[in-house]
């Protein structure tokens, strides 16, 4: 078991905790996440149907399954997963986010378990689906973090991760331009912590997982944010046990 202090960076938890009150405001500091969430969900849904051989038209493809979202923020992904039928647990390093997430879920009539802390130190069991979106770039020890996620994956389970790519384009647009104009709050991204797909693939392999699908998340004026073969800004992948 990894020591609970190795992945959470207190300054990162504090930064995102300060944004908790605005997390559900589509025009607030988390506006970019609101735009990104439907794109991520489209990939997640396709990965679910492919992994379990489900009907793409089914309303609740995760019925009878459990899901864990690590770095859940105020629950932007947890709530759709619950509506897809999963018994959902959300874990976040910032207690403020967990409180905001629980309050919003209650208001929406959704039964979601939220917990604050380091995922490796929580007694929460294993899950059919493990997700972690835009989180690995914020942790102190990426290998330990991936190993902790893999440890929470049940036999036959599915993992989905997304993260910015470490490219010249992401340095210019995701860090420089986006923070300069206020699309994302200043201090959100540190380009040196971004991870390229091959590096993430190696970390997953070290944890006994293999990548089953991967797509870029790109932006264009005509399409906005969308799934693409262009991985220069951001990418999302699914993985399963080797």
Foldseek 3Di string as FASTA:
>chain_A
DDPQPAWDDVVLLVVLLVCQVCCPPCPDQNVVVVVCLVQLVVVVLVVLCVLVVDDSPDQQSQAPFAEEEEQCFLNSPVVVNVRSHHAYEYEHQHPSRQVNNVVVCVVVVGDHHYDHGRLQPDPDAAGQEYEYEQRLLNIRDNLVNLLSSLVRHDASHKYKYKHWALAPVQCCPVQNVCCVVSVHPHPNGDSVSGHHPVRVQVSNVVNQKHWDDKWAFDADPVPGTHTHNDNNTMMMTMMHGD
